[in-house]
N, C-alpha and C. Protein backbone atom coordinates (compact mmCIF):
# COMPACT_ATOMS: atom_id res chain seq x y z
N MET A 1 31.09 -21.00 -43.45
CA MET A 1 31.01 -19.57 -43.61
C MET A 1 30.33 -18.93 -42.41
N ARG A 2 31.07 -18.67 -41.42
CA ARG A 2 30.52 -17.99 -40.25
C ARG A 2 30.34 -16.50 -40.51
N ASP A 3 31.10 -15.98 -41.46
CA ASP A 3 31.02 -14.56 -41.80
C ASP A 3 29.85 -14.33 -42.75
N ARG A 4 28.82 -13.68 -42.26
CA ARG A 4 27.60 -13.47 -43.06
C ARG A 4 27.86 -12.70 -44.34
N THR A 5 28.88 -11.85 -44.34
CA THR A 5 29.15 -11.03 -45.53
C THR A 5 29.66 -11.88 -46.69
N MET A 6 30.14 -13.08 -46.43
CA MET A 6 30.67 -13.95 -47.48
C MET A 6 29.63 -14.94 -48.01
N ARG A 7 28.47 -14.96 -47.42
CA ARG A 7 27.47 -15.97 -47.80
C ARG A 7 26.96 -15.81 -49.23
N ASP A 8 26.76 -14.59 -49.67
CA ASP A 8 26.29 -14.39 -51.03
C ASP A 8 27.30 -14.91 -52.05
N GLN A 9 28.57 -14.73 -51.74
CA GLN A 9 29.61 -15.26 -52.62
C GLN A 9 29.54 -16.79 -52.64
N SER A 10 29.32 -17.40 -51.49
CA SER A 10 29.18 -18.85 -51.42
C SER A 10 27.97 -19.32 -52.20
N ARG A 11 26.87 -18.60 -52.06
CA ARG A 11 25.66 -18.96 -52.81
C ARG A 11 25.90 -18.89 -54.32
N ALA A 12 26.66 -17.90 -54.76
CA ALA A 12 26.96 -17.77 -56.19
C ALA A 12 27.79 -18.94 -56.69
N VAL A 13 28.74 -19.38 -55.89
CA VAL A 13 29.56 -20.53 -56.28
C VAL A 13 28.70 -21.79 -56.37
N ILE A 14 27.84 -21.99 -55.39
CA ILE A 14 26.95 -23.15 -55.41
C ILE A 14 26.05 -23.11 -56.64
N LYS A 15 25.52 -21.94 -56.96
CA LYS A 15 24.65 -21.79 -58.13
C LYS A 15 25.41 -22.12 -59.41
N THR A 16 26.65 -21.70 -59.50
CA THR A 16 27.47 -22.00 -60.67
C THR A 16 27.62 -23.50 -60.86
N PHE A 17 27.90 -24.22 -59.80
CA PHE A 17 28.05 -25.66 -59.89
C PHE A 17 26.73 -26.37 -60.13
N ALA A 18 25.63 -25.79 -59.69
CA ALA A 18 24.32 -26.42 -59.87
C ALA A 18 23.99 -26.62 -61.34
N TYR A 19 24.46 -25.74 -62.19
CA TYR A 19 24.21 -25.88 -63.62
C TYR A 19 25.03 -27.01 -64.23
N GLN A 20 26.10 -27.40 -63.59
CA GLN A 20 27.00 -28.40 -64.12
C GLN A 20 26.81 -29.78 -63.49
N CYS A 21 26.06 -29.82 -62.43
CA CYS A 21 26.03 -31.06 -61.65
C CYS A 21 24.60 -31.56 -61.44
N CYS A 22 24.42 -32.30 -60.40
CA CYS A 22 23.15 -32.99 -60.19
C CYS A 22 22.58 -32.70 -58.81
N ASN A 23 21.81 -33.64 -58.31
CA ASN A 23 21.07 -33.49 -57.06
C ASN A 23 21.96 -33.15 -55.86
N GLU A 24 23.19 -33.61 -55.85
CA GLU A 24 24.05 -33.38 -54.71
C GLU A 24 24.25 -31.89 -54.43
N ILE A 25 24.30 -31.08 -55.47
CA ILE A 25 24.47 -29.64 -55.29
C ILE A 25 23.21 -29.03 -54.67
N LYS A 26 22.05 -29.52 -55.08
CA LYS A 26 20.80 -29.04 -54.49
C LYS A 26 20.77 -29.37 -52.99
N VAL A 27 21.17 -30.57 -52.65
CA VAL A 27 21.20 -30.98 -51.24
C VAL A 27 22.21 -30.13 -50.48
N LEU A 28 23.38 -29.90 -51.08
CA LEU A 28 24.39 -29.05 -50.45
C LEU A 28 23.80 -27.67 -50.14
N HIS A 29 23.10 -27.10 -51.08
CA HIS A 29 22.51 -25.77 -50.88
C HIS A 29 21.51 -25.79 -49.73
N GLU A 30 20.66 -26.80 -49.68
CA GLU A 30 19.67 -26.91 -48.61
C GLU A 30 20.36 -27.04 -47.24
N VAL A 31 21.40 -27.86 -47.18
CA VAL A 31 22.11 -28.08 -45.92
C VAL A 31 22.80 -26.81 -45.46
N VAL A 32 23.49 -26.14 -46.37
CA VAL A 32 24.21 -24.91 -46.03
C VAL A 32 23.25 -23.85 -45.51
N GLU A 33 22.13 -23.68 -46.20
CA GLU A 33 21.16 -22.67 -45.76
C GLU A 33 20.60 -22.99 -44.37
N GLU A 34 20.36 -24.28 -44.10
CA GLU A 34 19.85 -24.66 -42.78
C GLU A 34 20.91 -24.47 -41.70
N VAL A 35 22.16 -24.81 -42.01
CA VAL A 35 23.25 -24.58 -41.05
C VAL A 35 23.35 -23.10 -40.73
N TRP A 36 23.32 -22.24 -41.74
CA TRP A 36 23.40 -20.80 -41.52
C TRP A 36 22.21 -20.30 -40.71
N ARG A 37 21.02 -20.82 -41.01
CA ARG A 37 19.82 -20.40 -40.27
C ARG A 37 19.99 -20.72 -38.78
N ARG A 38 20.45 -21.93 -38.51
CA ARG A 38 20.63 -22.34 -37.12
C ARG A 38 21.70 -21.50 -36.43
N MET A 39 22.78 -21.22 -37.13
CA MET A 39 23.82 -20.37 -36.56
C MET A 39 23.26 -19.00 -36.21
N ASP A 40 22.51 -18.43 -37.15
CA ASP A 40 21.95 -17.10 -36.95
C ASP A 40 20.93 -17.06 -35.83
N ASP A 41 20.22 -18.17 -35.64
CA ASP A 41 19.21 -18.24 -34.58
C ASP A 41 19.80 -18.58 -33.21
N GLY A 42 21.13 -18.77 -33.17
CA GLY A 42 21.79 -18.99 -31.89
C GLY A 42 21.81 -20.41 -31.38
N TRP A 43 21.60 -21.38 -32.27
CA TRP A 43 21.66 -22.78 -31.85
C TRP A 43 23.08 -23.10 -31.41
N ASP A 44 23.23 -24.13 -30.55
CA ASP A 44 24.58 -24.49 -30.14
C ASP A 44 25.30 -25.19 -31.29
N GLU A 45 26.61 -25.21 -31.19
CA GLU A 45 27.46 -25.67 -32.29
C GLU A 45 27.16 -27.12 -32.71
N GLU A 46 26.84 -27.96 -31.76
CA GLU A 46 26.53 -29.35 -32.09
C GLU A 46 25.25 -29.46 -32.92
N SER A 47 24.30 -28.59 -32.68
CA SER A 47 23.01 -28.64 -33.37
C SER A 47 23.05 -28.09 -34.78
N TYR A 48 24.07 -27.30 -35.11
CA TYR A 48 24.12 -26.80 -36.48
C TYR A 48 25.25 -27.40 -37.30
N GLY A 49 25.84 -28.46 -36.82
CA GLY A 49 26.84 -29.16 -37.62
C GLY A 49 26.20 -29.80 -38.84
N TRP A 50 26.95 -29.87 -39.94
CA TRP A 50 26.36 -30.35 -41.19
C TRP A 50 25.90 -31.80 -41.12
N VAL A 51 26.59 -32.63 -40.34
CA VAL A 51 26.17 -34.03 -40.23
C VAL A 51 24.82 -34.10 -39.52
N GLU A 52 24.68 -33.37 -38.43
CA GLU A 52 23.42 -33.34 -37.68
C GLU A 52 22.28 -32.85 -38.56
N VAL A 53 22.53 -31.79 -39.31
CA VAL A 53 21.50 -31.24 -40.20
C VAL A 53 21.09 -32.26 -41.25
N MET A 54 22.07 -32.91 -41.87
CA MET A 54 21.74 -33.90 -42.89
C MET A 54 20.92 -35.05 -42.32
N LEU A 55 21.30 -35.53 -41.14
CA LEU A 55 20.55 -36.63 -40.52
C LEU A 55 19.11 -36.20 -40.23
N GLU A 56 18.93 -34.99 -39.73
CA GLU A 56 17.59 -34.50 -39.43
C GLU A 56 16.77 -34.30 -40.71
N MET A 57 17.44 -34.04 -41.82
CA MET A 57 16.75 -33.88 -43.10
C MET A 57 16.43 -35.23 -43.75
N GLY A 58 16.90 -36.31 -43.11
CA GLY A 58 16.66 -37.65 -43.65
C GLY A 58 17.62 -38.02 -44.77
N ARG A 59 18.75 -37.35 -44.82
CA ARG A 59 19.76 -37.64 -45.82
C ARG A 59 20.85 -38.49 -45.19
N GLY A 60 21.19 -39.57 -45.85
CA GLY A 60 22.27 -40.42 -45.35
C GLY A 60 23.61 -39.72 -45.44
N VAL A 61 24.47 -40.01 -44.51
CA VAL A 61 25.81 -39.44 -44.50
C VAL A 61 26.78 -40.59 -44.59
N MET A 62 27.57 -40.61 -45.66
CA MET A 62 28.55 -41.66 -45.81
C MET A 62 29.94 -41.05 -45.65
N LEU A 63 30.65 -41.53 -44.67
CA LEU A 63 32.01 -41.07 -44.43
C LEU A 63 32.94 -42.27 -44.58
N GLY A 64 34.06 -42.04 -45.17
CA GLY A 64 34.96 -43.18 -45.32
C GLY A 64 36.31 -42.81 -45.76
């Protein structure tokens, strides 16, 4: 969500799923907010990628 005007809608969707799910949704919310913060602060694209953010948060990333 590069468009800031759509972020509240995204937050609402995440909140809806948080009631139905578990820790993964909480982590998703934390990662998304950090990615957006970095984008807004002008970090370069590599530094605000979700994989980079998760690794810096100490969260394992499993791709397969």
